[in-house]
């Protein structure tokens, strides 16, 4: 039995020694397919540096097709740049007014629209002064009678006694005239007062949106401002 084990061990050692002295197999030869006619081979960047050439071919691995020349950037024309500026410009909304006449407001809106400024007519109401009133507050009948006698003695007969003996001393179109009457009544020792009377009036506004065309470029805008010196231009929200 021992002889058999020694025999097998010797055979294994002999086989291992035989393998060590065998020559290493040569690697299989790679054969590349021939390039089609007109194709330009790819060149590594290290090969270009070693050869010292100035081959315009793109380097392999840069994600570009072989032999493709770089495409020059195309500059935009002035017209296209101007169109982009207009497209990116945020609109500015304004309101113009107030105008007392609907016909004048409609005519101005039409002129603005014809020159490329979107315009819409809007009506609103406002409280405007309509006169000035001088008066005495309500008093007892006895006190009111004394005041009336004092006014008549001073030559002021254009008074009116109203409810609860409130005495009106006149309504005036101008504030200066009302203040003259106020001073005369107070000189008589009476606590006269002056109030402004208001009247509701309709006024008109023009809402515009400036984007492609600006209001300052509107032909005739200077004439409009000269004709309506109290005209206001206020910026508002476009929402």
C-alpha atoms as a PDB file:
ATOM      1  CA  UNK A   1       0.000   0.000   0.000  1.00  0.00           C
ATOM      2  CA  UNK A   2       2.801   2.397   0.800  1.00  0.00           C
ATOM      3  CA  UNK A   3       4.453   1.653  -2.506  1.00  0.00           C
ATOM      4  CA  UNK A   4       1.268   2.668  -4.355  1.00  0.00           C
ATOM      5  CA  UNK A   5       1.099   6.022  -2.553  1.00  0.00           C
ATOM      6  CA  UNK A   6       4.756   6.728  -3.311  1.00  0.00           C
ATOM      7  CA  UNK A   7       4.151   5.892  -6.943  1.00  0.00           C
ATOM      8  CA  UNK A   8       1.216   8.284  -7.303  1.00  0.00           C
ATOM      9  CA  UNK A   9       3.119  11.093  -5.577  1.00  0.00           C
ATOM     10  CA  UNK A  10       6.057  10.622  -7.935  1.00  0.00           C
ATOM     11  CA  UNK A  11       3.825  10.721 -10.999  1.00  0.00           C
ATOM     12  CA  UNK A  12       2.228  14.025  -9.833  1.00  0.00           C
ATOM     13  CA  UNK A  13       5.626  15.606  -9.268  1.00  0.00           C
ATOM     14  CA  UNK A  14       6.836  14.524 -12.691  1.00  0.00           C
ATOM     15  CA  UNK A  15       3.691  15.950 -14.381  1.00  0.00           C
ATOM     16  CA  UNK A  16       4.073  19.283 -12.535  1.00  0.00           C
ATOM     17  CA  UNK A  17       7.720  19.572 -13.628  1.00  0.00           C
ATOM     18  CA  UNK A  18       6.796  18.803 -17.241  1.00  0.00           C
ATOM     19  CA  UNK A  19       4.203  21.646 -17.205  1.00  0.00           C
ATOM     20  CA  UNK A  20       6.743  24.148 -15.912  1.00  0.00           C
ATOM     21  CA  UNK A  21       9.078  23.592 -18.866  1.00  0.00           C
ATOM     22  CA  UNK A  22       6.387  23.901 -21.543  1.00  0.00           C
ATOM     23  CA  UNK A  23       6.567  27.206 -23.676  1.00  0.00           C
ATOM     24  CA  UNK A  24       3.801  29.805 -23.012  1.00  0.00           C
ATOM     25  CA  UNK A  25       1.144  29.935 -25.734  1.00  0.00           C
ATOM     26  CA  UNK A  26       1.219  33.074 -27.901  1.00  0.00           C
ATOM     27  CA  UNK A  27      -1.911  35.308 -27.791  1.00  0.00           C
ATOM     28  CA  UNK A  28      -4.241  35.119 -30.772  1.00  0.00           C
ATOM     29  CA  UNK A  29      -3.500  37.671 -33.470  1.00  0.00           C
ATOM     30  CA  UNK A  30      -6.168  40.400 -33.867  1.00  0.00           C
ATOM     31  CA  UNK A  31      -7.092  41.149 -37.417  1.00  0.00           C
ATOM     32  CA  UNK A  32      -8.933  44.441 -38.053  1.00  0.00           C
ATOM     33  CA  UNK A  33     -11.361  44.823 -40.873  1.00  0.00           C
ATOM     34  CA  UNK A  34     -10.158  47.127 -43.621  1.00  0.00           C
ATOM     35  CA  UNK A  35     -11.559  50.717 -43.558  1.00  0.00           C
ATOM     36  CA  UNK A  36     -14.093  51.650 -46.211  1.00  0.00           C
ATOM     37  CA  UNK A  37     -12.879  53.956 -49.012  1.00  0.00           C
ATOM     38  CA  UNK A  38     -12.663  57.640 -47.955  1.00  0.00           C
ATOM     39  CA  UNK A  39     -12.727  56.949 -44.204  1.00  0.00           C
ATOM     40  CA  UNK A  40     -10.163  58.682 -42.001  1.00  0.00           C
ATOM     41  CA  UNK A  41      -8.671  56.583 -39.138  1.00  0.00           C
ATOM     42  CA  UNK A  42      -8.973  57.802 -35.553  1.00  0.00           C
ATOM     43  CA  UNK A  43      -5.799  59.160 -33.991  1.00  0.00           C
ATOM     44  CA  UNK A  44      -5.017  59.269 -30.279  1.00  0.00           C
ATOM     45  CA  UNK A  45      -3.973  62.631 -28.815  1.00  0.00           C
ATOM     46  CA  UNK A  46      -0.630  61.086 -27.688  1.00  0.00           C
ATOM     47  CA  UNK A  47       0.026  59.866 -31.241  1.00  0.00           C
ATOM     48  CA  UNK A  48      -0.641  63.361 -32.632  1.00  0.00           C
ATOM     49  CA  UNK A  49       1.850  64.882 -30.167  1.00  0.00           C
ATOM     50  CA  UNK A  50       4.503  62.268 -31.002  1.00  0.00           C
ATOM     51  CA  UNK A  51       4.097  62.716 -34.760  1.00  0.00           C
ATOM     52  CA  UNK A  52       4.080  66.540 -34.448  1.00  0.00           C
ATOM     53  CA  UNK A  53       1.359  66.803 -37.075  1.00  0.00           C
ATOM     54  CA  UNK A  54      -1.535  69.212 -37.207  1.00  0.00           C
ATOM     55  CA  UNK A  55      -4.216  66.777 -38.203  1.00  0.00           C
ATOM     56  CA  UNK A  56      -7.571  68.522 -37.873  1.00  0.00           C
ATOM     57  CA  UNK A  57      -9.263  65.161 -37.227  1.00  0.00           C
ATOM     58  CA  UNK A  58     -11.056  64.996 -33.883  1.00  0.00           C
ATOM     59  CA  UNK A  59      -9.497  62.815 -31.183  1.00  0.00           C
ATOM     60  CA  UNK A  60     -11.118  59.439 -30.576  1.00  0.00           C
ATOM     61  CA  UNK A  61     -13.298  59.247 -27.485  1.00  0.00           C
ATOM     62  CA  UNK A  62     -14.439  62.911 -27.567  1.00  0.00           C
ATOM     63  CA  UNK A  63     -17.908  62.000 -28.752  1.00  0.00           C
ATOM     64  CA  UNK A  64     -17.603  63.590 -32.210  1.00  0.00           C
ATOM     65  CA  UNK A  65     -17.619  62.011 -35.660  1.00  0.00           C
ATOM     66  CA  UNK A  66     -14.250  61.497 -37.387  1.00  0.00           C
ATOM     67  CA  UNK A  67     -13.215  64.271 -39.752  1.00  0.00           C
ATOM     68  CA  UNK A  68     -15.923  66.681 -38.620  1.00  0.00           C
ATOM     69  CA  UNK A  69     -14.729  70.279 -38.491  1.00  0.00           C
ATOM     70  CA  UNK A  70     -15.986  72.556 -35.666  1.00  0.00           C
ATOM     71  CA  UNK A  71     -19.080  74.560 -36.596  1.00  0.00           C
ATOM     72  CA  UNK A  72     -18.621  78.329 -36.121  1.00  0.00           C
ATOM     73  CA  UNK A  73     -21.177  80.125 -33.953  1.00  0.00           C
ATOM     74  CA  UNK A  74     -23.763  82.086 -35.882  1.00  0.00           C
ATOM     75  CA  UNK A  75     -24.250  85.592 -34.557  1.00  0.00           C
ATOM     76  CA  UNK A  76     -27.730  87.005 -34.342  1.00  0.00           C
ATOM     77  CA  UNK A  77     -28.724  89.987 -36.374  1.00  0.00           C
ATOM     78  CA  UNK A  78     -29.703  93.259 -34.763  1.00  0.00           C
ATOM     79  CA  UNK A  79     -33.347  92.714 -35.719  1.00  0.00           C
ATOM     80  CA  UNK A  80     -33.547  89.325 -34.012  1.00  0.00           C
ATOM     81  CA  UNK A  81     -31.888  90.721 -30.872  1.00  0.00           C
ATOM     82  CA  UNK A  82     -34.364  93.576 -30.772  1.00  0.00           C
ATOM     83  CA  UNK A  83     -37.267  91.139 -31.114  1.00  0.00           C
ATOM     84  CA  UNK A  84     -35.915  89.076 -28.218  1.00  0.00           C
ATOM     85  CA  UNK A  85     -35.565  92.206 -26.073  1.00  0.00           C
ATOM     86  CA  UNK A  86     -39.201  93.081 -26.775  1.00  0.00           C
ATOM     87  CA  UNK A  87     -40.323  89.545 -25.958  1.00  0.00           C
ATOM     88  CA  UNK A  88     -38.448  89.554 -22.646  1.00  0.00           C
ATOM     89  CA  UNK A  89     -39.567  93.069 -21.628  1.00  0.00           C
ATOM     90  CA  UNK A  90     -42.235  92.965 -18.940  1.00  0.00           C
ATOM     91  CA  UNK A  91     -45.330  95.046 -19.745  1.00  0.00           C
ATOM     92  CA  UNK A  92     -45.906  98.283 -17.825  1.00  0.00           C
ATOM     93  CA  UNK A  93     -49.508  99.308 -17.167  1.00  0.00           C
ATOM     94  CA  UNK A  94     -50.569 102.901 -16.575  1.00  0.00           C
ATOM     95  CA  UNK A  95     -53.787 104.861 -16.229  1.00  0.00           C
ATOM     96  CA  UNK A  96     -54.278 108.339 -17.705  1.00  0.00           C
ATOM     97  CA  UNK A  97     -56.848 110.812 -16.419  1.00  0.00           C
ATOM     98  CA  UNK A  98     -59.149 112.061 -15.224  1.00  0.00           C
ATOM     99  CA  UNK A  99     -60.955 113.453 -18.267  1.00  0.00           C
ATOM    100  CA  UNK A 100     -64.330 115.126 -17.838  1.00  0.00           C
ATOM    101  CA  UNK A 101     -65.622 114.444 -21.351  1.00  0.00           C
ATOM    102  CA  UNK A 102     -66.291 110.932 -22.641  1.00  0.00           C
ATOM    103  CA  UNK A 103     -65.790 112.138 -26.240  1.00  0.00           C
ATOM    104  CA  UNK A 104     -62.324 113.528 -25.475  1.00  0.00           C
ATOM    105  CA  UNK A 105     -61.352 110.351 -23.637  1.00  0.00           C
ATOM    106  CA  UNK A 106     -62.557 108.159 -26.516  1.00  0.00           C
ATOM    107  CA  UNK A 107     -60.628 110.252 -29.061  1.00  0.00           C
ATOM    108  CA  UNK A 108     -57.399 109.956 -27.045  1.00  0.00           C
ATOM    109  CA  UNK A 109     -57.880 106.205 -26.619  1.00  0.00           C
ATOM    110  CA  UNK A 110     -58.273 105.822 -30.387  1.00  0.00           C
ATOM    111  CA  UNK A 111     -55.058 107.764 -31.065  1.00  0.00           C
ATOM    112  CA  UNK A 112     -53.136 105.604 -28.614  1.00  0.00           C
ATOM    113  CA  UNK A 113     -54.485 102.378 -30.099  1.00  0.00           C
ATOM    114  CA  UNK A 114     -53.600 103.476 -33.625  1.00  0.00           C
ATOM    115  CA  UNK A 115     -49.949 103.878 -32.593  1.00  0.00           C
ATOM    116  CA  UNK A 116     -49.685 100.396 -31.091  1.00  0.00           C
ATOM    117  CA  UNK A 117     -50.482 101.159 -27.444  1.00  0.00           C
ATOM    118  CA  UNK A 118     -53.365  98.964 -26.191  1.00  0.00           C
ATOM    119  CA  UNK A 119     -55.839 101.280 -24.465  1.00  0.00           C
ATOM    120  CA  UNK A 120     -59.188 100.794 -22.747  1.00  0.00           C
ATOM    121  CA  UNK A 121     -61.700 103.398 -21.601  1.00  0.00           C
ATOM    122  CA  UNK A 122     -62.893 103.300 -17.984  1.00  0.00           C
ATOM    123  CA  UNK A 123     -65.548 105.403 -16.227  1.00  0.00           C
ATOM    124  CA  UNK A 124     -65.568 106.301 -12.526  1.00  0.00           C
ATOM    125  CA  UNK A 125     -67.116 108.837 -10.175  1.00  0.00           C
ATOM    126  CA  UNK A 126     -65.472 111.520  -8.086  1.00  0.00           C
ATOM    127  CA  UNK A 127     -66.524 114.118  -5.554  1.00  0.00           C
ATOM    128  CA  UNK A 128     -65.763 117.598  -6.858  1.00  0.00           C
ATOM    129  CA  UNK A 129     -66.321 120.897  -4.988  1.00  0.00           C
ATOM    130  CA  UNK A 130     -69.484 122.629  -6.192  1.00  0.00           C
ATOM    131  CA  UNK A 131     -69.590 125.622  -3.837  1.00  0.00           C
ATOM    132  CA  UNK A 132     -68.975 127.001  -0.340  1.00  0.00           C
ATOM    133  CA  UNK A 133     -71.607 127.525   2.334  1.00  0.00           C
ATOM    134  CA  UNK A 134     -71.516 129.878   5.333  1.00  0.00           C
ATOM    135  CA  UNK A 135     -73.905 129.001   8.158  1.00  0.00           C
ATOM    136  CA  UNK A 136     -74.703 129.125  11.856  1.00  0.00           C
ATOM    137  CA  UNK A 137     -75.377 125.953  13.808  1.00  0.00           C
ATOM    138  CA  UNK A 138     -78.798 125.067  15.205  1.00  0.00           C
ATOM    139  CA  UNK A 139     -79.946 127.089  18.189  1.00  0.00           C
ATOM    140  CA  UNK A 140     -83.016 127.701  20.267  1.00  0.00           C
ATOM    141  CA  UNK A 141     -85.836 129.761  18.832  1.00  0.00           C
ATOM    142  CA  UNK A 142     -85.013 132.684  21.124  1.00  0.00           C
ATOM    143  CA  UNK A 143     -81.312 132.639  20.178  1.00  0.00           C
ATOM    144  CA  UNK A 144     -82.137 132.354  16.468  1.00  0.00           C
ATOM    145  CA  UNK A 145     -84.454 135.378  16.687  1.00  0.00           C
ATOM    146  CA  UNK A 146     -81.681 137.467  18.257  1.00  0.00           C
ATOM    147  CA  UNK A 147     -79.243 136.459  15.482  1.00  0.00           C
ATOM    148  CA  UNK A 148     -81.746 137.345  12.769  1.00  0.00           C
ATOM    149  CA  UNK A 149     -82.282 140.844  14.242  1.00  0.00           C
ATOM    150  CA  UNK A 150     -78.489 141.318  14.373  1.00  0.00           C
ATOM    151  CA  UNK A 151     -78.049 140.252  10.742  1.00  0.00           C
ATOM    152  CA  UNK A 152     -80.812 142.508   9.469  1.00  0.00           C
ATOM    153  CA  UNK A 153     -79.389 145.442  11.368  1.00  0.00           C
ATOM    154  CA  UNK A 154     -76.064 144.859   9.584  1.00  0.00           C
ATOM    155  CA  UNK A 155     -77.795 144.811   6.193  1.00  0.00           C
ATOM    156  CA  UNK A 156     -77.537 141.041   5.640  1.00  0.00           C
ATOM    157  CA  UNK A 157     -80.982 139.906   4.604  1.00  0.00           C
ATOM    158  CA  UNK A 158     -80.008 136.991   2.360  1.00  0.00           C
ATOM    159  CA  UNK A 159     -80.238 134.384   5.115  1.00  0.00           C
ATOM    160  CA  UNK A 160     -82.436 131.334   5.538  1.00  0.00           C
ATOM    161  CA  UNK A 161     -83.629 129.718   8.776  1.00  0.00           C
ATOM    162  CA  UNK A 162     -83.904 125.960   8.384  1.00  0.00           C
ATOM    163  CA  UNK A 163     -84.676 122.966  10.544  1.00  0.00           C
ATOM    164  CA  UNK A 164     -83.840 123.269  14.241  1.00  0.00           C
ATOM    165  CA  UNK A 165     -83.178 126.972  13.590  1.00  0.00           C
ATOM    166  CA  UNK A 166     -80.030 126.352  11.566  1.00  0.00           C
ATOM    167  CA  UNK A 167     -79.311 129.608   9.728  1.00  0.00           C
ATOM    168  CA  UNK A 168     -77.792 129.540   6.242  1.00  0.00           C
ATOM    169  CA  UNK A 169     -75.880 132.713   5.371  1.00  0.00           C
ATOM    170  CA  UNK A 170     -75.348 132.050   1.680  1.00  0.00           C
ATOM    171  CA  UNK A 171     -73.791 129.632  -0.846  1.00  0.00           C
ATOM    172  CA  UNK A 172     -70.879 130.981  -2.886  1.00  0.00           C
ATOM    173  CA  UNK A 173     -69.101 129.720  -5.994  1.00  0.00           C
ATOM    174  CA  UNK A 174     -65.684 130.957  -4.867  1.00  0.00           C
ATOM    175  CA  UNK A 175     -63.984 130.453  -1.527  1.00  0.00           C
ATOM    176  CA  UNK A 176     -62.811 134.056  -1.348  1.00  0.00           C
ATOM    177  CA  UNK A 177     -66.387 135.399  -1.414  1.00  0.00           C
ATOM    178  CA  UNK A 178     -67.457 132.885   1.211  1.00  0.00           C
ATOM    179  CA  UNK A 179     -64.604 133.958   3.491  1.00  0.00           C
ATOM    180  CA  UNK A 180     -65.691 137.629   3.209  1.00  0.00           C
ATOM    181  CA  UNK A 181     -69.195 136.736   4.443  1.00  0.00           C
ATOM    182  CA  UNK A 182     -67.694 134.539   7.167  1.00  0.00           C
ATOM    183  CA  UNK A 183     -65.582 137.421   8.480  1.00  0.00           C
ATOM    184  CA  UNK A 184     -68.505 139.894   8.536  1.00  0.00           C
ATOM    185  CA  UNK A 185     -70.751 137.541  10.511  1.00  0.00           C
ATOM    186  CA  UNK A 186     -68.005 136.800  13.008  1.00  0.00           C
ATOM    187  CA  UNK A 187     -67.432 140.534  13.501  1.00  0.00           C
ATOM    188  CA  UNK A 188     -71.034 140.664  14.741  1.00  0.00           C
ATOM    189  CA  UNK A 189     -70.098 138.170  17.453  1.00  0.00           C
ATOM    190  CA  UNK A 190     -71.615 135.053  15.905  1.00  0.00           C
ATOM    191  CA  UNK A 191     -69.758 131.743  15.538  1.00  0.00           C
ATOM    192  CA  UNK A 192     -70.208 131.317  11.778  1.00  0.00           C
ATOM    193  CA  UNK A 193     -68.725 128.334   9.941  1.00  0.00           C
ATOM    194  CA  UNK A 194     -67.698 127.548   6.365  1.00  0.00           C
ATOM    195  CA  UNK A 195     -68.193 124.194   4.652  1.00  0.00           C
ATOM    196  CA  UNK A 196     -67.365 122.936   1.184  1.00  0.00           C
ATOM    197  CA  UNK A 197     -70.243 121.509  -0.827  1.00  0.00           C
ATOM    198  CA  UNK A 198     -69.485 118.535  -3.097  1.00  0.00           C
ATOM    199  CA  UNK A 199     -71.142 117.119  -6.155  1.00  0.00           C
ATOM    200  CA  UNK A 200     -70.700 113.656  -7.650  1.00  0.00           C
ATOM    201  CA  UNK A 201     -69.327 113.825 -11.185  1.00  0.00           C
ATOM    202  CA  UNK A 202     -68.429 111.252 -13.813  1.00  0.00           C
ATOM    203  CA  UNK A 203     -64.837 111.159 -14.984  1.00  0.00           C
ATOM    204  CA  UNK A 204     -63.015 108.982 -17.502  1.00  0.00           C
ATOM    205  CA  UNK A 205     -59.679 107.175 -17.398  1.00  0.00           C
ATOM    206  CA  UNK A 206     -57.649 105.465 -20.104  1.00  0.00           C
ATOM    207  CA  UNK A 207     -55.874 102.266 -19.072  1.00  0.00           C
ATOM    208  CA  UNK A 208     -52.867 101.416 -21.273  1.00  0.00           C
ATOM    209  CA  UNK A 209     -50.248  98.662 -21.474  1.00  0.00           C
ATOM    210  CA  UNK A 210     -46.721  99.562 -22.577  1.00  0.00           C
ATOM    211  CA  UNK A 211     -44.774  96.674 -24.092  1.00  0.00           C
ATOM    212  CA  UNK A 212     -43.819  97.012 -27.733  1.00  0.00           C
ATOM    213  CA  UNK A 213     -44.615 100.740 -27.812  1.00  0.00           C
ATOM    214  CA  UNK A 214     -43.875 103.226 -25.033  1.00  0.00           C
ATOM    215  CA  UNK A 215     -46.049 106.179 -24.096  1.00  0.00           C
ATOM    216  CA  UNK A 216     -43.088 108.562 -24.383  1.00  0.00           C
ATOM    217  CA  UNK A 217     -42.794 107.588 -28.057  1.00  0.00           C
ATOM    218  CA  UNK A 218     -46.437 108.455 -28.724  1.00  0.00           C
ATOM    219  CA  UNK A 219     -46.644 111.169 -31.372  1.00  0.00           C
ATOM    220  CA  UNK A 220     -48.632 114.107 -30.092  1.00  0.00           C
ATOM    221  CA  UNK A 221     -48.212 113.303 -26.394  1.00  0.00           C
ATOM    222  CA  UNK A 222     -46.693 116.719 -25.680  1.00  0.00           C
ATOM    223  CA  UNK A 223     -49.732 118.378 -27.267  1.00  0.00           C
ATOM    224  CA  UNK A 224     -52.039 116.260 -25.113  1.00  0.00           C
ATOM    225  CA  UNK A 225     -50.235 117.320 -21.919  1.00  0.00           C
ATOM    226  CA  UNK A 226     -50.350 120.963 -22.986  1.00  0.00           C
ATOM    227  CA  UNK A 227     -54.108 120.739 -23.621  1.00  0.00           C
ATOM    228  CA  UNK A 228     -54.824 118.961 -20.319  1.00  0.00           C
ATOM    229  CA  UNK A 229     -52.267 120.321 -17.812  1.00  0.00           C
ATOM    230  CA  UNK A 230     -53.953 118.510 -14.887  1.00  0.00           C
ATOM    231  CA  UNK A 231     -53.788 115.157 -16.621  1.00  0.00           C
ATOM    232  CA  UNK A 232     -52.100 112.484 -14.491  1.00  0.00           C
ATOM    233  CA  UNK A 233     -50.224 109.350 -15.573  1.00  0.00           C
ATOM    234  CA  UNK A 234     -50.058 106.749 -12.816  1.00  0.00           C
ATOM    235  CA  UNK A 235     -48.479 103.293 -12.917  1.00  0.00           C
ATOM    236  CA  UNK A 236     -50.845 100.510 -11.870  1.00  0.00           C
ATOM    237  CA  UNK A 237     -50.737  96.739 -11.576  1.00  0.00           C
ATOM    238  CA  UNK A 238     -51.216  94.750 -14.779  1.00  0.00           C
ATOM    239  CA  UNK A 239     -53.149  92.010 -12.970  1.00  0.00           C
END
